[in-house]
Amino acid sequence: MKKSTTTKEETKTTAEQVTEDIKVKGGQVIETVKKLIHEGNVRSITIKDKNRKTIVKFPLTVGVVGAALAPVLAAVGAIAALVTDLTITVERNQK
């Protein structure tokens, strides 16, 4: 079983959305992003480097599936190959 080095921190909550920071290693980025996309209540994902500088931000809409995700996952994979310690900031709709 693979040891996970993912850590989560909820940073702020408003009446309509929750923002959450997830710290991951480069090799875990794609799987983490796929999992977040499939949860369905994610509005946007921002990937930041260890200095909290934004590398990429992409919005998600309800109905984004399959082939539409391929370019996003390809970009995430390229980023993961270059940067080892990342923070994924997730904006979610309140449940």
N, C-alpha and C. Protein backbone atom coordinates (compact mmCIF):
# COMPACT_ATOMS: atom_id res chain seq x y z
N MET A 1 0.83 -1.17 0.00
CA MET A 1 0.00 0.00 0.00
C MET A 1 0.88 1.24 0.00
N LYS A 2 0.56 2.20 -0.85
CA LYS A 2 1.35 3.41 -0.98
C LYS A 2 1.04 4.38 0.15
N LYS A 3 2.10 4.95 0.74
CA LYS A 3 1.92 5.90 1.83
C LYS A 3 1.55 7.26 1.24
N SER A 4 0.52 7.86 1.75
CA SER A 4 0.04 9.14 1.25
C SER A 4 0.70 10.28 1.99
N THR A 5 1.11 11.31 1.24
CA THR A 5 1.67 12.50 1.86
C THR A 5 0.78 13.71 1.59
N THR A 6 -0.48 13.45 1.33
CA THR A 6 -1.44 14.51 1.07
C THR A 6 -1.97 15.05 2.40
N THR A 7 -1.97 16.38 2.54
CA THR A 7 -2.54 16.99 3.73
C THR A 7 -3.58 18.02 3.30
N LYS A 8 -4.65 18.13 4.09
CA LYS A 8 -5.73 19.05 3.75
C LYS A 8 -5.88 20.08 4.85
N GLU A 9 -6.17 21.31 4.42
CA GLU A 9 -6.45 22.40 5.36
C GLU A 9 -7.62 23.18 4.80
N GLU A 10 -8.69 23.30 5.55
CA GLU A 10 -9.80 24.15 5.11
C GLU A 10 -9.44 25.57 5.47
N THR A 11 -9.46 26.47 4.48
CA THR A 11 -8.98 27.81 4.73
C THR A 11 -10.08 28.83 4.97
N LYS A 12 -11.16 28.79 4.21
CA LYS A 12 -12.24 29.74 4.49
C LYS A 12 -13.56 29.19 3.99
N THR A 13 -14.61 29.65 4.62
CA THR A 13 -15.95 29.22 4.27
C THR A 13 -16.84 30.44 4.15
N THR A 14 -17.63 30.49 3.09
CA THR A 14 -18.64 31.54 2.97
C THR A 14 -19.98 30.83 2.86
N ALA A 15 -21.04 31.59 2.73
CA ALA A 15 -22.38 31.00 2.64
C ALA A 15 -22.53 30.14 1.39
N GLU A 16 -21.76 30.42 0.35
CA GLU A 16 -21.94 29.71 -0.91
C GLU A 16 -20.78 28.79 -1.29
N GLN A 17 -19.58 29.03 -0.73
CA GLN A 17 -18.45 28.20 -1.13
C GLN A 17 -17.46 27.96 -0.01
N VAL A 18 -16.66 26.91 -0.18
CA VAL A 18 -15.61 26.54 0.74
C VAL A 18 -14.31 26.50 -0.05
N THR A 19 -13.24 27.05 0.53
CA THR A 19 -11.93 26.98 -0.10
C THR A 19 -11.07 26.06 0.76
N GLU A 20 -10.39 25.13 0.10
CA GLU A 20 -9.59 24.13 0.80
C GLU A 20 -8.22 24.03 0.15
N ASP A 21 -7.15 23.97 0.94
CA ASP A 21 -5.80 23.76 0.43
C ASP A 21 -5.39 22.32 0.66
N ILE A 22 -4.85 21.69 -0.37
CA ILE A 22 -4.38 20.31 -0.27
C ILE A 22 -2.92 20.30 -0.70
N LYS A 23 -2.03 19.89 0.18
CA LYS A 23 -0.61 19.83 -0.14
C LYS A 23 -0.29 18.42 -0.65
N VAL A 24 0.36 18.36 -1.83
CA VAL A 24 0.68 17.07 -2.44
C VAL A 24 2.09 17.08 -3.00
N LYS A 25 2.63 15.91 -3.22
CA LYS A 25 3.89 15.74 -3.93
C LYS A 25 3.57 15.62 -5.41
N GLY A 26 4.54 15.92 -6.27
CA GLY A 26 4.34 15.94 -7.71
C GLY A 26 3.66 14.70 -8.27
N GLY A 27 4.04 13.52 -7.80
CA GLY A 27 3.49 12.27 -8.31
C GLY A 27 2.03 12.04 -7.96
N GLN A 28 1.50 12.78 -7.00
CA GLN A 28 0.12 12.58 -6.56
C GLN A 28 -0.85 13.60 -7.15
N VAL A 29 -0.33 14.55 -7.91
CA VAL A 29 -1.16 15.65 -8.39
C VAL A 29 -2.27 15.16 -9.31
N ILE A 30 -1.96 14.35 -10.30
CA ILE A 30 -2.97 13.92 -11.27
C ILE A 30 -4.08 13.14 -10.58
N GLU A 31 -3.74 12.20 -9.73
CA GLU A 31 -4.76 11.41 -9.05
C GLU A 31 -5.62 12.29 -8.14
N THR A 32 -5.00 13.24 -7.47
CA THR A 32 -5.76 14.15 -6.60
C THR A 32 -6.72 15.01 -7.41
N VAL A 33 -6.25 15.55 -8.54
CA VAL A 33 -7.11 16.38 -9.38
C VAL A 33 -8.26 15.55 -9.97
N LYS A 34 -7.97 14.34 -10.43
CA LYS A 34 -9.04 13.46 -10.95
C LYS A 34 -10.10 13.21 -9.89
N LYS A 35 -9.66 12.92 -8.68
CA LYS A 35 -10.59 12.67 -7.57
C LYS A 35 -11.46 13.90 -7.29
N LEU A 36 -10.84 15.07 -7.29
CA LEU A 36 -11.58 16.30 -7.05
C LEU A 36 -12.61 16.57 -8.14
N ILE A 37 -12.23 16.34 -9.38
CA ILE A 37 -13.14 16.56 -10.50
C ILE A 37 -14.36 15.65 -10.40
N HIS A 38 -14.12 14.41 -10.03
CA HIS A 38 -15.22 13.44 -9.95
C HIS A 38 -16.15 13.68 -8.75
N GLU A 39 -15.71 14.47 -7.78
CA GLU A 39 -16.58 14.79 -6.65
C GLU A 39 -17.78 15.63 -7.09
N GLY A 40 -17.60 16.44 -8.13
CA GLY A 40 -18.72 17.15 -8.71
C GLY A 40 -19.07 18.50 -8.14
N ASN A 41 -18.67 18.82 -6.93
CA ASN A 41 -19.03 20.11 -6.35
C ASN A 41 -17.88 21.10 -6.38
N VAL A 42 -16.85 20.83 -7.18
CA VAL A 42 -15.68 21.70 -7.28
C VAL A 42 -15.92 22.76 -8.34
N ARG A 43 -15.73 24.04 -7.98
CA ARG A 43 -15.92 25.15 -8.91
C ARG A 43 -14.64 25.48 -9.65
N SER A 44 -13.50 25.46 -8.96
CA SER A 44 -12.23 25.73 -9.62
C SER A 44 -11.09 25.10 -8.84
N ILE A 45 -9.99 24.87 -9.55
CA ILE A 45 -8.79 24.29 -8.95
C ILE A 45 -7.62 25.20 -9.31
N THR A 46 -6.81 25.54 -8.31
CA THR A 46 -5.62 26.34 -8.51
C THR A 46 -4.43 25.53 -8.02
N ILE A 47 -3.39 25.43 -8.83
CA ILE A 47 -2.19 24.71 -8.43
C ILE A 47 -1.09 25.74 -8.19
N LYS A 48 -0.49 25.66 -6.99
CA LYS A 48 0.54 26.62 -6.58
C LYS A 48 1.82 25.87 -6.24
N ASP A 49 2.96 26.55 -6.39
CA ASP A 49 4.23 25.94 -6.03
C ASP A 49 4.46 26.08 -4.52
N LYS A 50 5.63 25.62 -4.05
CA LYS A 50 5.88 25.62 -2.60
C LYS A 50 5.96 27.03 -2.02
N ASN A 51 6.17 28.04 -2.87
CA ASN A 51 6.20 29.43 -2.41
C ASN A 51 4.83 30.10 -2.53
N ARG A 52 3.80 29.31 -2.82
CA ARG A 52 2.41 29.75 -2.95
C ARG A 52 2.17 30.62 -4.18
N LYS A 53 3.06 30.56 -5.16
CA LYS A 53 2.88 31.28 -6.42
C LYS A 53 1.99 30.43 -7.32
N THR A 54 0.94 31.05 -7.88
CA THR A 54 0.00 30.32 -8.73
C THR A 54 0.68 29.89 -10.02
N ILE A 55 0.60 28.61 -10.32
CA ILE A 55 1.14 28.06 -11.56
C ILE A 55 0.04 27.99 -12.61
N VAL A 56 -1.10 27.46 -12.21
CA VAL A 56 -2.24 27.35 -13.13
C VAL A 56 -3.54 27.36 -12.33
N LYS A 57 -4.57 27.95 -12.94
CA LYS A 57 -5.90 27.94 -12.34
C LYS A 57 -6.88 27.60 -13.44
N PHE A 58 -7.78 26.65 -13.17
CA PHE A 58 -8.78 26.33 -14.16
C PHE A 58 -10.13 26.13 -13.51
N PRO A 59 -11.17 26.72 -14.13
CA PRO A 59 -12.52 26.55 -13.61
C PRO A 59 -13.11 25.22 -14.04
N LEU A 60 -14.02 24.70 -13.27
CA LEU A 60 -14.73 23.48 -13.62
C LEU A 60 -16.21 23.78 -13.63
N THR A 61 -16.91 23.20 -14.54
CA THR A 61 -18.36 23.36 -14.60
C THR A 61 -19.01 22.00 -14.48
N VAL A 62 -20.26 22.01 -14.07
CA VAL A 62 -21.00 20.74 -13.95
C VAL A 62 -21.09 20.17 -15.35
N GLY A 63 -20.85 19.07 -15.74
CA GLY A 63 -20.97 18.61 -17.11
C GLY A 63 -19.64 18.51 -17.83
N VAL A 64 -18.55 18.92 -17.18
CA VAL A 64 -17.23 18.72 -17.79
C VAL A 64 -16.84 17.28 -17.53
N VAL A 65 -16.77 16.50 -18.60
CA VAL A 65 -16.42 15.08 -18.44
C VAL A 65 -15.58 14.61 -19.62
N GLY A 66 -15.03 13.43 -19.48
CA GLY A 66 -14.37 12.74 -20.58
C GLY A 66 -13.31 13.53 -21.32
N ALA A 67 -13.49 13.66 -22.63
CA ALA A 67 -12.50 14.28 -23.50
C ALA A 67 -12.22 15.73 -23.13
N ALA A 68 -13.19 16.40 -22.54
CA ALA A 68 -12.99 17.80 -22.14
C ALA A 68 -11.95 17.93 -21.04
N LEU A 69 -11.75 16.87 -20.28
CA LEU A 69 -10.77 16.91 -19.18
C LEU A 69 -9.36 16.57 -19.63
N ALA A 70 -9.21 15.98 -20.79
CA ALA A 70 -7.89 15.55 -21.26
C ALA A 70 -6.86 16.69 -21.28
N PRO A 71 -7.17 17.86 -21.84
CA PRO A 71 -6.17 18.94 -21.82
C PRO A 71 -5.81 19.40 -20.41
N VAL A 72 -6.78 19.43 -19.53
CA VAL A 72 -6.52 19.83 -18.14
C VAL A 72 -5.59 18.84 -17.48
N LEU A 73 -5.86 17.55 -17.62
CA LEU A 73 -5.01 16.53 -17.00
C LEU A 73 -3.62 16.49 -17.62
N ALA A 74 -3.52 16.76 -18.93
CA ALA A 74 -2.20 16.82 -19.58
C ALA A 74 -1.38 17.97 -19.00
N ALA A 75 -2.02 19.13 -18.80
CA ALA A 75 -1.32 20.27 -18.22
C ALA A 75 -0.89 19.98 -16.79
N VAL A 76 -1.76 19.35 -16.02
CA VAL A 76 -1.44 18.99 -14.64
C VAL A 76 -0.27 18.02 -14.61
N GLY A 77 -0.25 17.05 -15.53
CA GLY A 77 0.85 16.09 -15.60
C GLY A 77 2.18 16.76 -15.92
N ALA A 78 2.16 17.73 -16.82
CA ALA A 78 3.38 18.46 -17.17
C ALA A 78 3.89 19.26 -15.98
N ILE A 79 2.99 19.87 -15.25
CA ILE A 79 3.37 20.64 -14.07
C ILE A 79 3.96 19.72 -13.01
N ALA A 80 3.34 18.57 -12.81
CA ALA A 80 3.81 17.62 -11.80
C ALA A 80 5.21 17.12 -12.11
N ALA A 81 5.54 17.03 -13.39
CA ALA A 81 6.87 16.57 -13.78
C ALA A 81 7.95 17.60 -13.45
N LEU A 82 7.56 18.86 -13.37
CA LEU A 82 8.52 19.93 -13.14
C LEU A 82 8.64 20.38 -11.68
N VAL A 83 7.57 20.23 -10.92
CA VAL A 83 7.53 20.75 -9.55
C VAL A 83 7.22 19.60 -8.59
N THR A 84 7.95 19.53 -7.48
CA THR A 84 7.74 18.42 -6.56
C THR A 84 6.72 18.71 -5.46
N ASP A 85 6.81 19.84 -4.81
CA ASP A 85 5.89 20.17 -3.73
C ASP A 85 4.87 21.19 -4.21
N LEU A 86 3.61 20.81 -4.18
CA LEU A 86 2.54 21.66 -4.70
C LEU A 86 1.42 21.81 -3.69
N THR A 87 0.66 22.88 -3.83
CA THR A 87 -0.56 23.07 -3.08
C THR A 87 -1.69 23.22 -4.08
N ILE A 88 -2.73 22.44 -3.91
CA ILE A 88 -3.92 22.54 -4.75
C ILE A 88 -4.97 23.26 -3.93
N THR A 89 -5.42 24.42 -4.42
CA THR A 89 -6.47 25.16 -3.75
C THR A 89 -7.77 24.87 -4.49
N VAL A 90 -8.75 24.39 -3.74
CA VAL A 90 -10.01 23.94 -4.32
C VAL A 90 -11.14 24.86 -3.83
N GLU A 91 -11.91 25.38 -4.76
CA GLU A 91 -13.11 26.14 -4.41
C GLU A 91 -14.30 25.25 -4.68
N ARG A 92 -15.10 25.02 -3.63
CA ARG A 92 -16.26 24.12 -3.73
C ARG A 92 -17.56 24.86 -3.44
N ASN A 93 -18.62 24.36 -4.02
CA ASN A 93 -19.95 24.82 -3.63
C ASN A 93 -20.29 24.20 -2.30
N GLN A 94 -21.00 24.92 -1.46
CA GLN A 94 -21.47 24.36 -0.20
C GLN A 94 -22.47 23.25 -0.50
N LYS A 95 -22.44 22.21 0.27
CA LYS A 95 -23.38 21.10 0.07
C LYS A 95 -24.69 21.38 0.74
